[in-house]
Amino acid sequence: MTKRKGKPVSFDAMVKFFMHNYNIPTKRDIDRLNGRLDRLEKLIKALPPRNRRTVGKGNGAAPQSATETVLELIRRSKNGIGIAAIREQTGYDDKKLRNIIFRLNKMGKITRVSRGSYKAVE
């Protein structure tokens, strides 16, 4: 066997080598990250609260959802209302209207009068 020449490698040097090669964070790295996180949290807390934009009437009432809008249109019609009329009045696309009507029918708030025509349950 041949003898190895050079300095013996210390345990600390070996640990540093593995930590560096395998991207293992040191205590110093973690302390730095914690400091950055603390600074970011302080900045976030210092920001003024954001106001949500509301769409709808300016009387301060909460805006209606699409489902509530469609249900209100159906309720206003005595003999039922068709999909085409709802689409004209709301401006919603076909897929959205189909989903809303399916949901309202499943909840039992509307009934089908004829194909494409719905009436509110009283």
PDB file of N, CA and C in Angstrom:
ATOM      1  N   MET A   1       0.817  -1.171   0.000  1.00  0.00           N
ATOM      2  CA  MET A   1       0.000   0.000   0.000  1.00  0.00           C
ATOM      3  C   MET A   1       0.868   1.245   0.000  1.00  0.00           C
ATOM      4  N   THR A   2       0.428   2.200  -0.743  1.00  0.00           N
ATOM      5  CA  THR A   2       1.192   3.441  -0.780  1.00  0.00           C
ATOM      6  C   THR A   2       0.639   4.384   0.248  1.00  0.00           C
ATOM      7  N   LYS A   3       1.515   5.154   0.759  1.00  0.00           N
ATOM      8  CA  LYS A   3       1.111   6.141   1.751  1.00  0.00           C
ATOM      9  C   LYS A   3       0.640   7.391   1.053  1.00  0.00           C
ATOM     10  N   ARG A   4      -0.343   7.984   1.614  1.00  0.00           N
ATOM     11  CA  ARG A   4      -0.899   9.211   1.051  1.00  0.00           C
ATOM     12  C   ARG A   4      -0.058  10.379   1.524  1.00  0.00           C
ATOM     13  N   LYS A   5       0.281  11.250   0.583  1.00  0.00           N
ATOM     14  CA  LYS A   5       1.089  12.399   0.934  1.00  0.00           C
ATOM     15  C   LYS A   5       0.197  13.620   1.052  1.00  0.00           C
ATOM     16  N   GLY A   6       0.565  14.535   1.852  1.00  0.00           N
ATOM     17  CA  GLY A   6      -0.182  15.766   2.021  1.00  0.00           C
ATOM     18  C   GLY A   6      -0.723  15.866   3.426  1.00  0.00           C
ATOM     19  N   LYS A   7      -1.442  16.975   3.651  1.00  0.00           N
ATOM     20  CA  LYS A   7      -1.995  17.209   4.983  1.00  0.00           C
ATOM     21  C   LYS A   7      -3.209  16.316   5.215  1.00  0.00           C
ATOM     22  N   PRO A   8      -3.406  15.934   6.416  1.00  0.00           N
ATOM     23  CA  PRO A   8      -4.643  15.197   6.713  1.00  0.00           C
ATOM     24  C   PRO A   8      -5.824  16.178   6.678  1.00  0.00           C
ATOM     25  N   VAL A   9      -6.967  15.686   6.235  1.00  0.00           N
ATOM     26  CA  VAL A   9      -8.147  16.530   6.108  1.00  0.00           C
ATOM     27  C   VAL A   9      -8.886  16.522   7.435  1.00  0.00           C
ATOM     28  N   SER A  10      -9.200  17.718   7.900  1.00  0.00           N
ATOM     29  CA  SER A  10      -9.918  17.804   9.168  1.00  0.00           C
ATOM     30  C   SER A  10     -11.395  17.489   8.956  1.00  0.00           C
ATOM     31  N   PHE A  11     -12.052  17.146  10.042  1.00  0.00           N
ATOM     32  CA  PHE A  11     -13.476  16.830   9.990  1.00  0.00           C
ATOM     33  C   PHE A  11     -14.288  18.057   9.584  1.00  0.00           C
ATOM     34  N   ASP A  12     -13.934  19.224  10.107  1.00  0.00           N
ATOM     35  CA  ASP A  12     -14.643  20.466   9.782  1.00  0.00           C
ATOM     36  C   ASP A  12     -14.551  20.782   8.289  1.00  0.00           C
ATOM     37  N   ALA A  13     -13.365  20.582   7.730  1.00  0.00           N
ATOM     38  CA  ALA A  13     -13.178  20.853   6.310  1.00  0.00           C
ATOM     39  C   ALA A  13     -14.030  19.895   5.470  1.00  0.00           C
ATOM     40  N   MET A  14     -14.130  18.654   5.909  1.00  0.00           N
ATOM     41  CA  MET A  14     -14.939  17.673   5.197  1.00  0.00           C
ATOM     42  C   MET A  14     -16.430  18.048   5.246  1.00  0.00           C
ATOM     43  N   VAL A  15     -16.892  18.487   6.411  1.00  0.00           N
ATOM     44  CA  VAL A  15     -18.288  18.891   6.567  1.00  0.00           C
ATOM     45  C   VAL A  15     -18.579  20.100   5.687  1.00  0.00           C
ATOM     46  N   LYS A  16     -17.687  21.089   5.694  1.00  0.00           N
ATOM     47  CA  LYS A  16     -17.874  22.271   4.846  1.00  0.00           C
ATOM     48  C   LYS A  16     -17.919  21.890   3.372  1.00  0.00           C
ATOM     49  N   PHE A  17     -17.067  20.967   2.975  1.00  0.00           N
ATOM     50  CA  PHE A  17     -17.022  20.512   1.594  1.00  0.00           C
ATOM     51  C   PHE A  17     -18.367  19.902   1.192  1.00  0.00           C
ATOM     52  N   PHE A  18     -18.900  18.998   2.011  1.00  0.00           N
ATOM     53  CA  PHE A  18     -20.186  18.367   1.693  1.00  0.00           C
ATOM     54  C   PHE A  18     -21.337  19.367   1.705  1.00  0.00           C
ATOM     55  N   MET A  19     -21.328  20.265   2.670  1.00  0.00           N
ATOM     56  CA  MET A  19     -22.386  21.265   2.740  1.00  0.00           C
ATOM     57  C   MET A  19     -22.375  22.159   1.511  1.00  0.00           C
ATOM     58  N   HIS A  20     -21.185  22.501   1.054  1.00  0.00           N
ATOM     59  CA  HIS A  20     -21.058  23.364  -0.115  1.00  0.00           C
ATOM     60  C   HIS A  20     -21.488  22.623  -1.383  1.00  0.00           C
ATOM     61  N   ASN A  21     -21.036  21.392  -1.540  1.00  0.00           N
ATOM     62  CA  ASN A  21     -21.339  20.631  -2.762  1.00  0.00           C
ATOM     63  C   ASN A  21     -22.801  20.204  -2.845  1.00  0.00           C
ATOM     64  N   TYR A  22     -23.451  19.966  -1.727  1.00  0.00           N
ATOM     65  CA  TYR A  22     -24.843  19.521  -1.738  1.00  0.00           C
ATOM     66  C   TYR A  22     -25.832  20.645  -1.418  1.00  0.00           C
ATOM     67  N   ASN A  23     -25.359  21.870  -1.456  1.00  0.00           N
ATOM     68  CA  ASN A  23     -26.199  23.059  -1.244  1.00  0.00           C
ATOM     69  C   ASN A  23     -27.025  22.967   0.031  1.00  0.00           C
ATOM     70  N   ILE A  24     -26.392  22.596   1.107  1.00  0.00           N
ATOM     71  CA  ILE A  24     -27.044  22.533   2.407  1.00  0.00           C
ATOM     72  C   ILE A  24     -26.832  23.878   3.083  1.00  0.00           C
ATOM     73  N   PRO A  25     -27.912  24.553   3.483  1.00  0.00           N
ATOM     74  CA  PRO A  25     -27.742  25.886   4.082  1.00  0.00           C
ATOM     75  C   PRO A  25     -27.100  25.805   5.470  1.00  0.00           C
ATOM     76  N   THR A  26     -26.309  26.815   5.751  1.00  0.00           N
ATOM     77  CA  THR A  26     -25.674  26.894   7.065  1.00  0.00           C
ATOM     78  C   THR A  26     -26.547  27.743   7.980  1.00  0.00           C
ATOM     79  N   LYS A  27     -26.161  27.798   9.244  1.00  0.00           N
ATOM     80  CA  LYS A  27     -26.899  28.621  10.205  1.00  0.00           C
ATOM     81  C   LYS A  27     -26.860  30.079   9.778  1.00  0.00           C
ATOM     82  N   ARG A  28     -25.742  30.493   9.257  1.00  0.00           N
ATOM     83  CA  ARG A  28     -25.594  31.876   8.804  1.00  0.00           C
ATOM     84  C   ARG A  28     -26.560  32.177   7.648  1.00  0.00           C
ATOM     85  N   ASP A  29     -26.695  31.228   6.702  1.00  0.00           N
ATOM     86  CA  ASP A  29     -27.625  31.414   5.582  1.00  0.00           C
ATOM     87  C   ASP A  29     -29.061  31.534   6.079  1.00  0.00           C
ATOM     88  N   ILE A  30     -29.423  30.688   7.021  1.00  0.00           N
ATOM     89  CA  ILE A  30     -30.780  30.704   7.557  1.00  0.00           C
ATOM     90  C   ILE A  30     -31.048  31.996   8.322  1.00  0.00           C
ATOM     91  N   ASP A  31     -30.057  32.470   9.081  1.00  0.00           N
ATOM     92  CA  ASP A  31     -30.224  33.740   9.793  1.00  0.00           C
ATOM     93  C   ASP A  31     -30.417  34.892   8.817  1.00  0.00           C
ATOM     94  N   ARG A  32     -29.688  34.881   7.704  1.00  0.00           N
ATOM     95  CA  ARG A  32     -29.843  35.913   6.683  1.00  0.00           C
ATOM     96  C   ARG A  32     -31.250  35.887   6.088  1.00  0.00           C
ATOM     97  N   LEU A  33     -31.733  34.684   5.793  1.00  0.00           N
ATOM     98  CA  LEU A  33     -33.083  34.566   5.232  1.00  0.00           C
ATOM     99  C   LEU A  33     -34.141  35.041   6.221  1.00  0.00           C
ATOM    100  N   ASN A  34     -33.975  34.696   7.487  1.00  0.00           N
ATOM    101  CA  ASN A  34     -34.918  35.153   8.506  1.00  0.00           C
ATOM    102  C   ASN A  34     -34.918  36.672   8.616  1.00  0.00           C
ATOM    103  N   GLY A  35     -33.747  37.274   8.525  1.00  0.00           N
ATOM    104  CA  GLY A  35     -33.663  38.740   8.546  1.00  0.00           C
ATOM    105  C   GLY A  35     -34.399  39.363   7.373  1.00  0.00           C
ATOM    106  N   ARG A  36     -34.243  38.779   6.192  1.00  0.00           N
ATOM    107  CA  ARG A  36     -34.947  39.286   5.011  1.00  0.00           C
ATOM    108  C   ARG A  36     -36.457  39.137   5.168  1.00  0.00           C
ATOM    109  N   LEU A  37     -36.877  37.981   5.682  1.00  0.00           N
ATOM    110  CA  LEU A  37     -38.308  37.762   5.895  1.00  0.00           C
ATOM    111  C   LEU A  37     -38.880  38.761   6.895  1.00  0.00           C
ATOM    112  N   ASP A  38     -38.146  39.040   7.951  1.00  0.00           N
ATOM    113  CA  ASP A  38     -38.604  40.023   8.933  1.00  0.00           C
ATOM    114  C   ASP A  38     -38.784  41.393   8.298  1.00  0.00           C
ATOM    115  N   ARG A  39     -37.809  41.784   7.469  1.00  0.00           N
ATOM    116  CA  ARG A  39     -37.915  43.079   6.794  1.00  0.00           C
ATOM    117  C   ARG A  39     -39.116  43.127   5.852  1.00  0.00           C
ATOM    118  N   LEU A  40     -39.338  42.036   5.114  1.00  0.00           N
ATOM    119  CA  LEU A  40     -40.494  41.995   4.214  1.00  0.00           C
ATOM    120  C   LEU A  40     -41.808  42.052   4.976  1.00  0.00           C
ATOM    121  N   GLU A  41     -41.902  41.353   6.090  1.00  0.00           N
ATOM    122  CA  GLU A  41     -43.123  41.383   6.896  1.00  0.00           C
ATOM    123  C   GLU A  41     -43.393  42.787   7.425  1.00  0.00           C
ATOM    124  N   LYS A  42     -42.343  43.499   7.843  1.00  0.00           N
ATOM    125  CA  LYS A  42     -42.530  44.868   8.311  1.00  0.00           C
ATOM    126  C   LYS A  42     -43.021  45.770   7.185  1.00  0.00           C
ATOM    127  N   LEU A  43     -42.462  45.578   5.975  1.00  0.00           N
ATOM    128  CA  LEU A  43     -42.901  46.382   4.837  1.00  0.00           C
ATOM    129  C   LEU A  43     -44.360  46.107   4.486  1.00  0.00           C
ATOM    130  N   ILE A  44     -44.746  44.852   4.551  1.00  0.00           N
ATOM    131  CA  ILE A  44     -46.130  44.493   4.233  1.00  0.00           C
ATOM    132  C   ILE A  44     -47.083  45.077   5.260  1.00  0.00           C
ATOM    133  N   LYS A  45     -46.714  45.009   6.526  1.00  0.00           N
ATOM    134  CA  LYS A  45     -47.571  45.563   7.571  1.00  0.00           C
ATOM    135  C   LYS A  45     -47.667  47.083   7.476  1.00  0.00           C
ATOM    136  N   ALA A  46     -46.615  47.722   6.954  1.00  0.00           N
ATOM    137  CA  ALA A  46     -46.607  49.178   6.852  1.00  0.00           C
ATOM    138  C   ALA A  46     -47.461  49.678   5.690  1.00  0.00           C
ATOM    139  N   LEU A  47     -47.769  48.804   4.722  1.00  0.00           N
ATOM    140  CA  LEU A  47     -48.586  49.219   3.582  1.00  0.00           C
ATOM    141  C   LEU A  47     -50.008  49.503   4.033  1.00  0.00           C
ATOM    142  N   PRO A  48     -50.644  50.508   3.443  1.00  0.00           N
ATOM    143  CA  PRO A  48     -52.049  50.769   3.786  1.00  0.00           C
ATOM    144  C   PRO A  48     -52.926  49.654   3.225  1.00  0.00           C
ATOM    145  N   PRO A  49     -54.042  49.364   3.873  1.00  0.00           N
ATOM    146  CA  PRO A  49     -54.921  48.309   3.370  1.00  0.00           C
ATOM    147  C   PRO A  49     -55.519  48.700   2.030  1.00  0.00           C
ATOM    148  N   ARG A  50     -55.629  47.709   1.155  1.00  0.00           N
ATOM    149  CA  ARG A  50     -56.181  47.971  -0.176  1.00  0.00           C
ATOM    150  C   ARG A  50     -57.696  47.897  -0.128  1.00  0.00           C
ATOM    151  N   ASN A  51     -58.326  48.785  -0.858  1.00  0.00           N
ATOM    152  CA  ASN A  51     -59.780  48.769  -0.963  1.00  0.00           C
ATOM    153  C   ASN A  51     -60.177  47.910  -2.148  1.00  0.00           C
ATOM    154  N   ARG A  52     -61.187  47.088  -1.944  1.00  0.00           N
ATOM    155  CA  ARG A  52     -61.692  46.265  -3.035  1.00  0.00           C
ATOM    156  C   ARG A  52     -62.580  47.109  -3.923  1.00  0.00           C
ATOM    157  N   ARG A  53     -62.447  46.885  -5.217  1.00  0.00           N
ATOM    158  CA  ARG A  53     -63.327  47.582  -6.151  1.00  0.00           C
ATOM    159  C   ARG A  53     -64.645  46.851  -6.199  1.00  0.00           C
ATOM    160  N   THR A  54     -65.715  47.610  -6.169  1.00  0.00           N
ATOM    161  CA  THR A  54     -67.033  46.997  -6.292  1.00  0.00           C
ATOM    162  C   THR A  54     -67.651  47.453  -7.592  1.00  0.00           C
ATOM    163  N   VAL A  55     -68.324  46.544  -8.238  1.00  0.00           N
ATOM    164  CA  VAL A  55     -68.988  46.838  -9.484  1.00  0.00           C
ATOM    165  C   VAL A  55     -70.477  46.809  -9.217  1.00  0.00           C
ATOM    166  N   GLY A  56     -71.152  47.747  -9.725  1.00  0.00           N
ATOM    167  CA  GLY A  56     -72.595  47.737  -9.529  1.00  0.00           C
ATOM    168  C   GLY A  56     -73.107  49.134  -9.264  1.00  0.00           C
ATOM    169  N   LYS A  57     -74.230  49.181  -8.576  1.00  0.00           N
ATOM    170  CA  LYS A  57     -74.882  50.455  -8.296  1.00  0.00           C
ATOM    171  C   LYS A  57     -74.077  51.248  -7.277  1.00  0.00           C
ATOM    172  N   GLY A  58     -74.149  52.534  -7.353  1.00  0.00           N
ATOM    173  CA  GLY A  58     -73.398  53.392  -6.462  1.00  0.00           C
ATOM    174  C   GLY A  58     -74.095  53.676  -5.152  1.00  0.00           C
ATOM    175  N   ASN A  59     -75.110  52.904  -4.788  1.00  0.00           N
ATOM    176  CA  ASN A  59     -75.854  53.195  -3.566  1.00  0.00           C
ATOM    177  C   ASN A  59     -75.229  52.538  -2.342  1.00  0.00           C
ATOM    178  N   GLY A  60     -74.066  51.916  -2.493  1.00  0.00           N
ATOM    179  CA  GLY A  60     -73.390  51.322  -1.344  1.00  0.00           C
ATOM    180  C   GLY A  60     -73.780  49.879  -1.109  1.00  0.00           C
ATOM    181  N   ALA A  61     -74.733  49.350  -1.840  1.00  0.00           N
ATOM    182  CA  ALA A  61     -75.132  47.952  -1.676  1.00  0.00           C
ATOM    183  C   ALA A  61     -74.085  47.049  -2.322  1.00  0.00           C
ATOM    184  N   ALA A  62     -73.986  45.847  -1.823  1.00  0.00           N
ATOM    185  CA  ALA A  62     -73.036  44.892  -2.383  1.00  0.00           C
ATOM    186  C   ALA A  62     -73.478  44.517  -3.797  1.00  0.00           C
ATOM    187  N   PRO A  63     -72.530  44.322  -4.707  1.00  0.00           N
ATOM    188  CA  PRO A  63     -72.904  43.971  -6.074  1.00  0.00           C
ATOM    189  C   PRO A  63     -73.520  42.572  -6.118  1.00  0.00           C
ATOM    190  N   GLN A  64     -74.452  42.383  -7.048  1.00  0.00           N
ATOM    191  CA  GLN A  64     -75.099  41.097  -7.189  1.00  0.00           C
ATOM    192  C   GLN A  64     -74.197  40.141  -7.954  1.00  0.00           C
ATOM    193  N   SER A  65     -74.299  38.875  -7.621  1.00  0.00           N
ATOM    194  CA  SER A  65     -73.562  37.877  -8.372  1.00  0.00           C
ATOM    195  C   SER A  65     -74.318  37.593  -9.667  1.00  0.00           C
ATOM    196  N   ALA A  66     -73.679  36.871 -10.558  1.00  0.00           N
ATOM    197  CA  ALA A  66     -74.319  36.544 -11.825  1.00  0.00           C
ATOM    198  C   ALA A  66     -75.543  35.669 -11.594  1.00  0.00           C
ATOM    199  N   THR A  67     -75.452  34.754 -10.643  1.00  0.00           N
ATOM    200  CA  THR A  67     -76.581  33.877 -10.336  1.00  0.00           C
ATOM    201  C   THR A  67     -77.764  34.687  -9.816  1.00  0.00           C
ATOM    202  N   GLU A  68     -77.503  35.639  -8.935  1.00  0.00           N
ATOM    203  CA  GLU A  68     -78.579  36.475  -8.403  1.00  0.00           C
ATOM    204  C   GLU A  68     -79.207  37.325  -9.498  1.00  0.00           C
ATOM    205  N   THR A  69     -78.393  37.806 -10.415  1.00  0.00           N
ATOM    206  CA  THR A  69     -78.907  38.624 -11.516  1.00  0.00           C
ATOM    207  C   THR A  69     -79.856  37.811 -12.387  1.00  0.00           C
ATOM    208  N   VAL A  70     -79.429  36.598 -12.754  1.00  0.00           N
ATOM    209  CA  VAL A  70     -80.262  35.743 -13.608  1.00  0.00           C
ATOM    210  C   VAL A  70     -81.531  35.340 -12.870  1.00  0.00           C
ATOM    211  N   LEU A  71     -81.430  34.988 -11.597  1.00  0.00           N
ATOM    212  CA  LEU A  71     -82.609  34.602 -10.820  1.00  0.00           C
ATOM    213  C   LEU A  71     -83.598  35.765 -10.729  1.00  0.00           C
ATOM    214  N   GLU A  72     -83.099  36.970 -10.572  1.00  0.00           N
ATOM    215  CA  GLU A  72     -83.971  38.146 -10.502  1.00  0.00           C
ATOM    216  C   GLU A  72     -84.705  38.358 -11.826  1.00  0.00           C
ATOM    217  N   LEU A  73     -84.017  38.167 -12.950  1.00  0.00           N
ATOM    218  CA  LEU A  73     -84.669  38.288 -14.261  1.00  0.00           C
ATOM    219  C   LEU A  73     -85.768  37.236 -14.416  1.00  0.00           C
ATOM    220  N   ILE A  74     -85.493  36.016 -13.987  1.00  0.00           N
ATOM    221  CA  ILE A  74     -86.485  34.943 -14.102  1.00  0.00           C
ATOM    222  C   ILE A  74     -87.674  35.226 -13.192  1.00  0.00           C
ATOM    223  N   ARG A  75     -87.429  35.744 -12.009  1.00  0.00           N
ATOM    224  CA  ARG A  75     -88.516  36.060 -11.075  1.00  0.00           C
ATOM    225  C   ARG A  75     -89.429  37.163 -11.616  1.00  0.00           C
ATOM    226  N   ARG A  76     -88.850  38.141 -12.309  1.00  0.00           N
ATOM    227  CA  ARG A  76     -89.640  39.264 -12.829  1.00  0.00           C
ATOM    228  C   ARG A  76     -90.591  38.842 -13.941  1.00  0.00           C
ATOM    229  N   SER A  77     -90.272  37.761 -14.646  1.00  0.00           N
ATOM    230  CA  SER A  77     -91.141  37.329 -15.746  1.00  0.00           C
ATOM    231  C   SER A  77     -92.237  36.423 -15.194  1.00  0.00           C
ATOM    232  N   LYS A  78     -93.470  36.683 -15.581  1.00  0.00           N
ATOM    233  CA  LYS A  78     -94.620  35.925 -15.065  1.00  0.00           C
ATOM    234  C   LYS A  78     -94.704  34.534 -15.684  1.00  0.00           C
ATOM    235  N   ASN A  79     -94.582  34.469 -17.024  1.00  0.00           N
ATOM    236  CA  ASN A  79     -94.789  33.204 -17.735  1.00  0.00           C
ATOM    237  C   ASN A  79     -93.487  32.467 -18.029  1.00  0.00           C
ATOM    238  N   GLY A  80     -92.399  32.921 -17.501  1.00  0.00           N
ATOM    239  CA  GLY A  80     -91.109  32.308 -17.800  1.00  0.00           C
ATOM    240  C   GLY A  80     -90.342  33.137 -18.809  1.00  0.00           C
ATOM    241  N   ILE A  81     -89.061  32.919 -18.859  1.00  0.00           N
ATOM    242  CA  ILE A  81     -88.209  33.695 -19.762  1.00  0.00           C
ATOM    243  C   ILE A  81     -87.247  32.730 -20.449  1.00  0.00           C
ATOM    244  N   GLY A  82     -86.923  33.032 -21.674  1.00  0.00           N
ATOM    245  CA  GLY A  82     -86.043  32.179 -22.461  1.00  0.00           C
ATOM    246  C   GLY A  82     -84.574  32.551 -22.291  1.00  0.00           C
ATOM    247  N   ILE A  83     -83.750  31.621 -22.722  1.00  0.00           N
ATOM    248  CA  ILE A  83     -82.300  31.824 -22.636  1.00  0.00           C
ATOM    249  C   ILE A  83     -81.869  33.032 -23.465  1.00  0.00           C
ATOM    250  N   ALA A  84     -82.445  33.175 -24.649  1.00  0.00           N
ATOM    251  CA  ALA A  84     -82.064  34.288 -25.532  1.00  0.00           C
ATOM    252  C   ALA A  84     -82.355  35.633 -24.876  1.00  0.00           C
ATOM    253  N   ALA A  85     -83.509  35.734 -24.212  1.00  0.00           N
ATOM    254  CA  ALA A  85     -83.869  36.996 -23.554  1.00  0.00           C
ATOM    255  C   ALA A  85     -82.932  37.277 -22.381  1.00  0.00           C
ATOM    256  N   ILE A  86     -82.579  36.232 -21.643  1.00  0.00           N
ATOM    257  CA  ILE A  86     -81.634  36.418 -20.521  1.00  0.00           C
ATOM    258  C   ILE A  86     -80.283  36.860 -21.062  1.00  0.00           C
ATOM    259  N   ARG A  87     -79.838  36.242 -22.161  1.00  0.00           N
ATOM    260  CA  ARG A  87     -78.541  36.587 -22.751  1.00  0.00           C
ATOM    261  C   ARG A  87     -78.527  38.043 -23.210  1.00  0.00           C
ATOM    262  N   GLU A  88     -79.627  38.496 -23.813  1.00  0.00           N
ATOM    263  CA  GLU A  88     -79.711  39.888 -24.274  1.00  0.00           C
ATOM    264  C   GLU A  88     -79.649  40.866 -23.109  1.00  0.00           C
ATOM    265  N   GLN A  89     -80.352  40.560 -22.028  1.00  0.00           N
ATOM    266  CA  GLN A  89     -80.441  41.499 -20.909  1.00  0.00           C
ATOM    267  C   GLN A  89     -79.191  41.493 -20.036  1.00  0.00           C
ATOM    268  N   THR A  90     -78.530  40.370 -19.937  1.00  0.00           N
ATOM    269  CA  THR A  90     -77.351  40.297 -19.059  1.00  0.00           C
ATOM    270  C   THR A  90     -76.044  40.448 -19.801  1.00  0.00           C
ATOM    271  N   GLY A  91     -75.972  39.948 -21.025  1.00  0.00           N
ATOM    272  CA  GLY A  91     -74.734  39.999 -21.775  1.00  0.00           C
ATOM    273  C   GLY A  91     -73.805  38.839 -21.462  1.00  0.00           C
ATOM    274  N   TYR A  92     -74.273  37.855 -20.688  1.00  0.00           N
ATOM    275  CA  TYR A  92     -73.449  36.688 -20.360  1.00  0.00           C
ATOM    276  C   TYR A  92     -73.401  35.742 -21.554  1.00  0.00           C
ATOM    277  N   ASP A  93     -72.302  34.999 -21.668  1.00  0.00           N
ATOM    278  CA  ASP A  93     -72.190  34.044 -22.763  1.00  0.00           C
ATOM    279  C   ASP A  93     -72.968  32.761 -22.449  1.00  0.00           C
ATOM    280  N   ASP A  94     -73.121  31.901 -23.463  1.00  0.00           N
ATOM    281  CA  ASP A  94     -73.955  30.698 -23.341  1.00  0.00           C
ATOM    282  C   ASP A  94     -73.474  29.758 -22.240  1.00  0.00           C
ATOM    283  N   LYS A  95     -72.193  29.533 -22.169  1.00  0.00           N
ATOM    284  CA  LYS A  95     -71.652  28.587 -21.175  1.00  0.00           C
ATOM    285  C   LYS A  95     -71.967  29.049 -19.752  1.00  0.00           C
ATOM    286  N   LYS A  96     -71.773  30.332 -19.506  1.00  0.00           N
ATOM    287  CA  LYS A  96     -72.046  30.870 -18.171  1.00  0.00           C
ATOM    288  C   LYS A  96     -73.533  30.745 -17.838  1.00  0.00           C
ATOM    289  N   LEU A  97     -74.395  31.056 -18.787  1.00  0.00           N
ATOM    290  CA  LEU A  97     -75.833  30.949 -18.554  1.00  0.00           C
ATOM    291  C   LEU A  97     -76.261  29.508 -18.312  1.00  0.00           C
ATOM    292  N   ARG A  98     -75.705  28.568 -19.078  1.00  0.00           N
ATOM    293  CA  ARG A  98     -76.044  27.159 -18.866  1.00  0.00           C
ATOM    294  C   ARG A  98     -75.651  26.708 -17.467  1.00  0.00           C
ATOM    295  N   ASN A  99     -74.485  27.115 -17.026  1.00  0.00           N
ATOM    296  CA  ASN A  99     -74.029  26.741 -15.677  1.00  0.00           C
ATOM    297  C   ASN A  99     -74.920  27.349 -14.600  1.00  0.00           C
ATOM    298  N   ILE A 100     -75.276  28.608 -14.771  1.00  0.00           N
ATOM    299  CA  ILE A 100     -76.126  29.289 -13.783  1.00  0.00           C
ATOM    300  C   ILE A 100     -77.499  28.634 -13.722  1.00  0.00           C
ATOM    301  N   ILE A 101     -78.086  28.363 -14.892  1.00  0.00           N
ATOM    302  CA  ILE A 101     -79.420  27.769 -14.926  1.00  0.00           C
ATOM    303  C   ILE A 101     -79.388  26.351 -14.361  1.00  0.00           C
ATOM    304  N   PHE A 102     -78.348  25.599 -14.669  1.00  0.00           N
ATOM    305  CA  PHE A 102     -78.215  24.253 -14.103  1.00  0.00           C
ATOM    306  C   PHE A 102     -78.162  24.332 -12.582  1.00  0.00           C
ATOM    307  N   ARG A 103     -77.372  25.265 -12.069  1.00  0.00           N
ATOM    308  CA  ARG A 103     -77.226  25.414 -10.612  1.00  0.00           C
ATOM    309  C   ARG A 103     -78.545  25.830  -9.958  1.00  0.00           C
ATOM    310  N   LEU A 104     -79.245  26.796 -10.556  1.00  0.00           N
ATOM    311  CA  LEU A 104     -80.528  27.254 -10.004  1.00  0.00           C
ATOM    312  C   LEU A 104     -81.571  26.136 -10.040  1.00  0.00           C
ATOM    313  N   ASN A 105     -81.582  25.361 -11.120  1.00  0.00           N
ATOM    314  CA  ASN A 105     -82.515  24.248 -11.233  1.00  0.00           C
ATOM    315  C   ASN A 105     -82.203  23.175 -10.191  1.00  0.00           C
ATOM    316  N   LYS A 106     -80.921  22.912  -9.990  1.00  0.00           N
ATOM    317  CA  LYS A 106     -80.509  21.905  -9.006  1.00  0.00           C
ATOM    318  C   LYS A 106     -80.871  22.341  -7.587  1.00  0.00           C
ATOM    319  N   MET A 107     -80.792  23.647  -7.306  1.00  0.00           N
ATOM    320  CA  MET A 107     -81.145  24.157  -5.983  1.00  0.00           C
ATOM    321  C   MET A 107     -82.654  24.250  -5.806  1.00  0.00           C
ATOM    322  N   GLY A 108     -83.412  24.094  -6.888  1.00  0.00           N
ATOM    323  CA  GLY A 108     -84.863  24.130  -6.797  1.00  0.00           C
ATOM    324  C   GLY A 108     -85.449  25.528  -6.820  1.00  0.00           C
ATOM    325  N   LYS A 109     -84.703  26.509  -7.295  1.00  0.00           N
ATOM    326  CA  LYS A 109     -85.197  27.881  -7.329  1.00  0.00           C
ATOM    327  C   LYS A 109     -85.922  28.202  -8.621  1.00  0.00           C
ATOM    328  N   ILE A 110     -85.683  27.412  -9.676  1.00  0.00           N
ATOM    329  CA  ILE A 110     -86.382  27.611 -10.941  1.00  0.00           C
ATOM    330  C   ILE A 110     -86.867  26.261 -11.450  1.00  0.00           C
ATOM    331  N   THR A 111     -87.844  26.301 -12.353  1.00  0.00           N
ATOM    332  CA  THR A 111     -88.318  25.090 -13.030  1.00  0.00           C
ATOM    333  C   THR A 111     -88.331  25.345 -14.526  1.00  0.00           C
ATOM    334  N   ARG A 112     -88.282  24.270 -15.261  1.00  0.00           N
ATOM    335  CA  ARG A 112     -88.290  24.375 -16.716  1.00  0.00           C
ATOM    336  C   ARG A 112     -89.725  24.362 -17.209  1.00  0.00           C
ATOM    337  N   VAL A 113     -90.128  25.428 -17.903  1.00  0.00           N
ATOM    338  CA  VAL A 113     -91.481  25.534 -18.459  1.00  0.00           C
ATOM    339  C   VAL A 113     -91.529  24.777 -19.781  1.00  0.00           C
ATOM    340  N   SER A 114     -90.585  25.058 -20.640  1.00  0.00           N
ATOM    341  CA  SER A 114     -90.433  24.359 -21.917  1.00  0.00           C
ATOM    342  C   SER A 114     -88.950  24.426 -22.274  1.00  0.00           C
ATOM    343  N   ARG A 115     -88.615  23.867 -23.415  1.00  0.00           N
ATOM    344  CA  ARG A 115     -87.206  23.850 -23.789  1.00  0.00           C
ATOM    345  C   ARG A 115     -86.671  25.272 -23.925  1.00  0.00           C
ATOM    346  N   GLY A 116     -85.673  25.599 -23.111  1.00  0.00           N
ATOM    347  CA  GLY A 116     -85.050  26.922 -23.161  1.00  0.00           C
ATOM    348  C   GLY A 116     -85.821  28.007 -22.447  1.00  0.00           C
ATOM    349  N   SER A 117     -86.873  27.662 -21.745  1.00  0.00           N
ATOM    350  CA  SER A 117     -87.680  28.642 -21.032  1.00  0.00           C
ATOM    351  C   SER A 117     -87.819  28.198 -19.568  1.00  0.00           C
ATOM    352  N   TYR A 118     -87.603  29.152 -18.660  1.00  0.00           N
ATOM    353  CA  TYR A 118     -87.587  28.826 -17.231  1.00  0.00           C
ATOM    354  C   TYR A 118     -88.448  29.804 -16.455  1.00  0.00           C
ATOM    355  N   LYS A 119     -88.960  29.299 -15.326  1.00  0.00           N
ATOM    356  CA  LYS A 119     -89.825  30.093 -14.460  1.00  0.00           C
ATOM    357  C   LYS A 119     -89.357  29.913 -13.016  1.00  0.00           C
ATOM    358  N   ALA A 120     -89.501  30.957 -12.203  1.00  0.00           N
ATOM    359  CA  ALA A 120     -89.083  30.897 -10.804  1.00  0.00           C
ATOM    360  C   ALA A 120     -90.086  30.094  -9.996  1.00  0.00           C
ATOM    361  N   VAL A 121     -89.572  29.341  -9.031  1.00  0.00           N
ATOM    362  CA  VAL A 121     -90.434  28.585  -8.125  1.00  0.00           C
ATOM    363  C   VAL A 121     -90.883  29.535  -7.040  1.00  0.00           C
ATOM    364  N   GLU A 122     -92.148  29.471  -6.709  1.00  0.00           N
ATOM    365  CA  GLU A 122     -92.674  30.410  -5.720  1.00  0.00           C
ATOM    366  C   GLU A 122     -92.791  29.793  -4.360  1.00  0.00           C
TER     367      GLU A 122
END
